[in-house]
Amino acid sequence: MIDDAAASGLMEPLTALVVKAGEAILAVNRAAMRVDGKQDGSPVTEADLAADRIIAEGLAQLAGDVPTLSEERTQLASPPFQGSFFLIDPLDGTKEFVAGRDEFTVNLALVTEGVPLLGIVSAPALGLLWRGIVGRGAERVSFEGVTIGTAEPIRTRKLPAQGEPWIAAVSRSHGDPRSEAFIDSRPNAVRKTCGSAVKFGRIADGSADIYPRFGPTSEWDVGAGCAVVTAAGGRVTDGQGGALRFGQRSGGGFIIPEFIAWGDPQAVIFDVVGRS
């Protein structure tokens, strides 16, 4: 079991590990790399695998007794997890990466008793990461190569005042009608297009108010961002406003049917348009 105090001691070495994994991704020649398809139809590249190897080796040295669930090694996972475990997406936004865009991330979360406690969302091509520990605050950090810069404290922003627009973080690759209808029900909604888990970072640093996803995602897509947003003062819920749980599915699958990331946890959850 790792609590917030122990997690605080791990933050710097975990940050360095995630940045190192991102450097390995950037070293891959996207024009010449091999792209394979998984059973679920999603792509996997040598960059995904290189980042996963670095993270696996680093975690084995830092906290070898803590279980790990990685997107690239789900066959090794044995849920439900008791106590604490690491939740990893070594390259979130593979489609963005393959398409030559910069908004892909390395996601690392430390989950304790089913709830993300620590999260790091790193965007290697942007030289920017968001990180946080629930109860201890969140930060935005710039970096170049493996040199990590100064951390800047961040907070989510308050609910827009009456007449002011809501800023909604939306996906470039995974839009769905229910999410669009939900955004349209916000007053004067403005969409901010972002790739991968960068959307969670924009909620955490106050650049956006809300990020709804009324379609299935995997736990490793959400865990790190959930921790960062919560640490920054926001909240991530299921579509009904309830808490999300991670690593508890004994039957496998690791699917989160839907979620909403809120900058202001006091925001009223309006009726979801078009939700069955």
Protein backbone atom coordinates (compact mmCIF):
# COMPACT_ATOMS: atom_id res chain seq x y z
CA MET A 1 0.00 0.00 0.00
CA ILE A 2 1.45 3.37 -1.05
CA ASP A 3 -0.06 6.48 0.54
CA ASP A 4 0.34 10.12 -0.51
CA ALA A 5 3.49 10.61 1.57
CA ALA A 6 5.23 7.64 -0.03
CA ALA A 7 3.94 8.72 -3.44
CA SER A 8 5.50 12.14 -2.93
CA GLY A 9 8.90 10.51 -2.55
CA LEU A 10 8.41 8.68 -5.85
CA MET A 11 7.28 11.67 -7.91
CA GLU A 12 10.68 12.91 -9.10
CA PRO A 13 12.11 9.51 -10.14
CA LEU A 14 8.79 8.60 -11.80
CA THR A 15 8.82 11.90 -13.69
CA ALA A 16 12.36 11.24 -14.90
CA LEU A 17 11.29 7.75 -16.01
CA VAL A 18 8.30 9.04 -17.98
CA VAL A 19 10.44 11.70 -19.65
CA LYS A 20 12.99 9.05 -20.59
CA ALA A 21 10.25 6.93 -22.14
CA GLY A 22 9.12 9.95 -24.13
CA GLU A 23 12.64 10.49 -25.44
CA ALA A 24 12.63 6.90 -26.72
CA ILE A 25 9.36 7.58 -28.55
CA LEU A 26 10.77 10.69 -30.22
CA ALA A 27 13.84 8.72 -31.35
CA VAL A 28 11.67 6.47 -33.52
CA ASN A 29 11.49 7.39 -37.21
CA ARG A 30 7.75 7.67 -37.80
CA ALA A 31 8.18 7.56 -41.57
CA ALA A 32 9.91 4.17 -41.47
CA MET A 33 8.49 2.48 -38.35
CA ARG A 34 6.40 -0.67 -38.37
CA VAL A 35 2.74 -0.33 -37.38
CA ASP A 36 0.86 -3.45 -36.30
CA GLY A 37 -2.76 -3.96 -35.32
CA LYS A 38 -3.98 -5.40 -32.03
CA GLN A 39 -6.95 -7.70 -31.63
CA ASP A 40 -9.17 -4.71 -30.84
CA GLY A 41 -8.09 -2.99 -34.06
CA SER A 42 -5.98 -0.30 -32.39
CA PRO A 43 -2.45 0.31 -33.70
CA VAL A 44 0.79 -0.49 -31.89
CA THR A 45 4.23 0.65 -33.00
CA GLU A 46 7.84 0.05 -32.04
CA ALA A 47 7.62 3.38 -30.17
CA ASP A 48 4.85 1.99 -27.90
CA LEU A 49 6.98 -1.04 -27.14
CA ALA A 50 10.20 0.91 -26.58
CA ALA A 51 8.51 3.23 -24.08
CA ASP A 52 6.91 0.27 -22.33
CA ARG A 53 10.27 -1.50 -21.92
CA ILE A 54 11.85 1.59 -20.36
CA ILE A 55 8.97 2.05 -17.93
CA ALA A 56 8.88 -1.63 -16.98
CA GLU A 57 12.61 -1.71 -16.27
CA GLY A 58 12.47 1.56 -14.32
CA LEU A 59 9.53 0.49 -12.16
CA ALA A 60 11.23 -2.80 -11.40
CA GLN A 61 14.11 -0.82 -9.89
CA LEU A 62 12.04 1.86 -8.16
CA ALA A 63 9.22 -0.24 -6.74
CA GLY A 64 9.60 -3.82 -7.84
CA ASP A 65 7.08 -5.13 -5.32
CA VAL A 66 4.24 -2.98 -6.69
CA PRO A 67 2.16 -4.66 -9.45
CA THR A 68 1.87 -3.00 -12.85
CA LEU A 69 -0.91 -2.90 -15.42
CA SER A 70 0.34 -1.69 -18.79
CA GLU A 71 -1.62 -1.50 -22.02
CA GLU A 72 1.15 -3.46 -23.72
CA ARG A 73 1.29 -6.20 -21.07
CA THR A 74 -2.30 -6.85 -20.08
CA GLN A 75 -1.72 -10.59 -20.28
CA LEU A 76 0.49 -10.30 -17.17
CA ALA A 77 -2.16 -8.53 -15.08
CA SER A 78 -4.16 -10.34 -12.41
CA PRO A 79 -7.05 -8.15 -11.23
CA PRO A 80 -8.60 -7.30 -8.91
CA PHE A 81 -5.57 -5.45 -7.56
CA GLN A 82 -5.25 -5.11 -3.81
CA GLY A 83 -3.49 -2.14 -2.26
CA SER A 84 -1.51 -0.17 -4.86
CA PHE A 85 -0.51 -0.73 -8.49
CA PHE A 86 0.95 1.26 -11.37
CA LEU A 87 -1.29 1.90 -14.38
CA ILE A 88 0.60 2.65 -17.60
CA ASP A 89 -0.15 3.77 -21.13
CA PRO A 90 3.34 3.98 -22.68
CA LEU A 91 2.01 5.85 -25.73
CA ASP A 92 -1.46 7.31 -25.54
CA GLY A 93 -2.64 8.69 -28.86
CA THR A 94 -0.85 6.23 -31.14
CA LYS A 95 -3.08 7.40 -34.00
CA GLU A 96 -1.88 10.96 -33.42
CA PHE A 97 1.72 9.73 -33.37
CA VAL A 98 1.35 7.69 -36.56
CA ALA A 99 -0.31 10.67 -38.28
CA GLY A 100 2.71 12.84 -37.48
CA ARG A 101 0.99 15.06 -34.93
CA ASP A 102 2.50 16.14 -31.61
CA GLU A 103 -0.32 15.59 -29.12
CA PHE A 104 0.48 12.09 -27.89
CA THR A 105 1.38 11.31 -24.29
CA VAL A 106 3.03 8.92 -21.88
CA ASN A 107 0.62 8.23 -19.00
CA LEU A 108 1.62 6.86 -15.61
CA ALA A 109 -0.67 6.56 -12.61
CA LEU A 110 -0.26 5.10 -9.15
CA VAL A 111 -3.58 3.67 -8.03
CA THR A 112 -4.29 2.90 -4.37
CA GLU A 113 -7.43 1.01 -3.33
CA GLY A 114 -8.97 1.48 -6.75
CA VAL A 115 -8.47 5.27 -6.89
CA PRO A 116 -5.71 7.10 -8.83
CA LEU A 117 -3.46 8.79 -6.26
CA LEU A 118 -0.54 10.00 -8.38
CA GLY A 119 -0.58 10.86 -12.06
CA ILE A 120 1.87 12.00 -14.71
CA VAL A 121 0.74 12.92 -18.22
CA SER A 122 3.73 13.79 -20.40
CA ALA A 123 3.57 15.16 -23.95
CA PRO A 124 7.12 14.53 -25.25
CA ALA A 125 6.80 16.41 -28.54
CA LEU A 126 5.43 19.46 -26.70
CA GLY A 127 8.10 19.35 -23.99
CA LEU A 128 5.37 19.62 -21.41
CA LEU A 129 3.96 17.42 -18.65
CA TRP A 130 1.24 17.65 -16.02
CA ARG A 131 1.60 15.81 -12.74
CA GLY A 132 -0.06 15.66 -9.36
CA ILE A 133 -0.76 13.79 -6.14
CA VAL A 134 -4.29 13.89 -4.80
CA GLY A 135 -4.32 16.01 -1.65
CA ARG A 136 -0.93 17.55 -2.41
CA GLY A 137 -1.61 19.60 -5.53
CA ALA A 138 -0.68 19.53 -9.20
CA GLU A 139 2.02 21.06 -11.40
CA ARG A 140 2.84 21.76 -15.03
CA VAL A 141 6.47 21.15 -15.94
CA SER A 142 8.41 21.95 -19.09
CA PHE A 143 11.34 19.82 -20.21
CA GLU A 144 13.84 19.52 -23.04
CA GLY A 145 15.30 16.12 -23.80
CA VAL A 146 15.70 14.56 -20.37
CA THR A 147 16.37 17.90 -18.67
CA ILE A 148 13.39 18.77 -16.49
CA GLY A 149 12.59 22.42 -15.89
CA THR A 150 10.87 24.30 -13.09
CA ALA A 151 7.51 23.06 -11.85
CA GLU A 152 4.62 25.57 -11.95
CA PRO A 153 1.66 24.96 -9.59
CA ILE A 154 -1.66 24.68 -11.42
CA ARG A 155 -5.35 24.74 -10.48
CA THR A 156 -8.53 24.01 -12.35
CA ARG A 157 -10.73 27.00 -13.02
CA LYS A 158 -14.09 27.79 -11.49
CA LEU A 159 -17.39 27.21 -13.24
CA PRO A 160 -17.89 29.89 -15.91
CA ALA A 161 -20.04 32.79 -14.75
CA GLN A 162 -23.46 33.25 -16.31
CA GLY A 163 -23.06 34.38 -19.90
CA GLU A 164 -19.44 33.26 -20.17
CA PRO A 165 -18.61 30.34 -22.47
CA TRP A 166 -17.77 26.84 -21.33
CA ILE A 167 -14.56 25.55 -22.87
CA ALA A 168 -14.83 21.86 -23.70
CA ALA A 169 -11.78 19.73 -24.43
CA VAL A 170 -12.66 17.44 -27.31
CA SER A 171 -10.91 14.62 -29.13
CA ARG A 172 -9.62 14.91 -32.66
CA SER A 173 -9.99 11.17 -33.26
CA HIS A 174 -12.81 9.90 -31.02
CA GLY A 175 -15.88 12.10 -31.28
CA ASP A 176 -19.30 10.63 -30.49
CA PRO A 177 -22.85 12.04 -30.74
CA ARG A 178 -23.63 11.80 -27.02
CA SER A 179 -20.52 13.74 -26.05
CA GLU A 180 -21.30 16.36 -28.68
CA ALA A 181 -24.86 16.71 -27.39
CA PHE A 182 -23.60 17.01 -23.83
CA ILE A 183 -21.25 19.83 -24.85
CA ASP A 184 -24.02 21.55 -26.80
CA SER A 185 -26.11 21.64 -23.61
CA ARG A 186 -23.49 23.87 -21.93
CA PRO A 187 -24.11 27.63 -22.27
CA ASN A 188 -22.15 29.08 -25.21
CA ALA A 189 -19.87 26.06 -25.42
CA VAL A 190 -16.54 26.48 -27.19
CA ARG A 191 -14.62 23.38 -28.29
CA LYS A 192 -10.87 23.07 -27.75
CA THR A 193 -9.48 20.19 -29.83
CA CYS A 194 -6.71 18.19 -28.17
CA GLY A 195 -5.15 14.79 -28.74
CA SER A 196 -4.74 11.97 -26.22
CA ALA A 197 -4.56 12.70 -22.48
CA VAL A 198 -3.48 16.28 -23.19
CA LYS A 199 -7.18 17.01 -22.65
CA PHE A 200 -6.84 16.13 -18.96
CA GLY A 201 -3.84 18.45 -18.73
CA ARG A 202 -5.86 21.32 -20.16
CA ILE A 203 -8.59 20.73 -17.59
CA ALA A 204 -6.01 20.59 -14.80
CA ASP A 205 -4.25 23.83 -15.75
CA GLY A 206 -7.48 25.78 -16.21
CA SER A 207 -7.37 25.97 -20.01
CA ALA A 208 -10.68 24.10 -20.32
CA ASP A 209 -13.73 23.48 -18.14
CA ILE A 210 -14.99 20.07 -19.11
CA TYR A 211 -14.00 16.93 -20.99
CA PRO A 212 -16.83 14.44 -21.59
CA ARG A 213 -16.38 11.03 -23.17
CA PHE A 214 -19.58 9.03 -23.59
CA GLY A 215 -17.85 6.13 -25.26
CA PRO A 216 -15.70 3.27 -23.96
CA THR A 217 -12.06 3.88 -23.05
CA SER A 218 -9.50 1.81 -21.19
CA GLU A 219 -8.32 2.40 -17.64
CA TRP A 220 -4.79 3.30 -18.77
CA ASP A 221 -6.23 6.10 -20.94
CA VAL A 222 -7.88 7.73 -17.93
CA GLY A 223 -6.02 6.87 -14.70
CA ALA A 224 -3.14 9.36 -14.86
CA GLY A 225 -5.35 12.18 -16.09
CA CYS A 226 -7.89 11.43 -13.37
CA ALA A 227 -5.21 11.82 -10.69
CA VAL A 228 -3.85 15.05 -12.19
CA VAL A 229 -7.27 16.69 -12.57
CA THR A 230 -8.30 15.68 -9.05
CA ALA A 231 -4.99 16.90 -7.58
CA ALA A 232 -5.51 20.22 -9.37
CA GLY A 233 -8.91 20.70 -7.72
CA GLY A 234 -11.23 19.10 -10.28
CA ARG A 235 -13.14 15.87 -10.43
CA VAL A 236 -13.50 12.94 -12.84
CA THR A 237 -16.74 10.99 -12.65
CA ASP A 238 -18.74 8.43 -14.53
CA GLY A 239 -21.60 9.65 -16.70
CA GLN A 240 -23.93 9.76 -13.69
CA GLY A 241 -21.56 11.74 -11.49
CA GLY A 242 -20.32 8.71 -9.54
CA ALA A 243 -16.73 7.73 -8.71
CA LEU A 244 -14.56 5.74 -11.11
CA ARG A 245 -12.80 2.59 -9.91
CA PHE A 246 -9.62 1.13 -11.37
CA GLY A 247 -8.07 -2.34 -11.32
CA GLN A 248 -11.08 -4.00 -9.78
CA ARG A 249 -12.42 -6.01 -12.73
CA SER A 250 -11.72 -9.65 -11.96
CA GLY A 251 -12.98 -10.63 -15.42
CA GLY A 252 -10.47 -8.39 -17.20
CA GLY A 253 -11.36 -5.95 -19.94
CA PHE A 254 -10.30 -2.81 -18.07
CA ILE A 255 -13.02 -0.79 -19.80
CA ILE A 256 -14.45 2.50 -18.54
CA PRO A 257 -17.80 2.87 -20.31
CA GLU A 258 -17.94 6.68 -20.02
CA PHE A 259 -16.57 9.56 -17.97
CA ILE A 260 -16.65 13.32 -17.50
CA ALA A 261 -13.67 15.39 -16.33
CA TRP A 262 -14.84 18.55 -14.54
CA GLY A 263 -12.62 21.53 -13.77
CA ASP A 264 -14.99 22.70 -11.03
CA PRO A 265 -16.16 19.81 -8.83
CA GLN A 266 -19.16 21.88 -7.77
CA ALA A 267 -20.43 22.05 -11.34
CA VAL A 268 -24.00 20.89 -11.72
CA ILE A 269 -24.25 17.84 -13.92
CA PHE A 270 -27.00 18.72 -16.36
CA ASP A 271 -29.19 16.17 -18.08
CA VAL A 272 -27.21 14.37 -20.74
CA VAL A 273 -28.84 14.97 -24.09
CA GLY A 274 -29.35 11.80 -26.09
CA ARG A 275 -28.18 9.45 -23.35
CA SER A 276 -30.14 6.23 -23.35
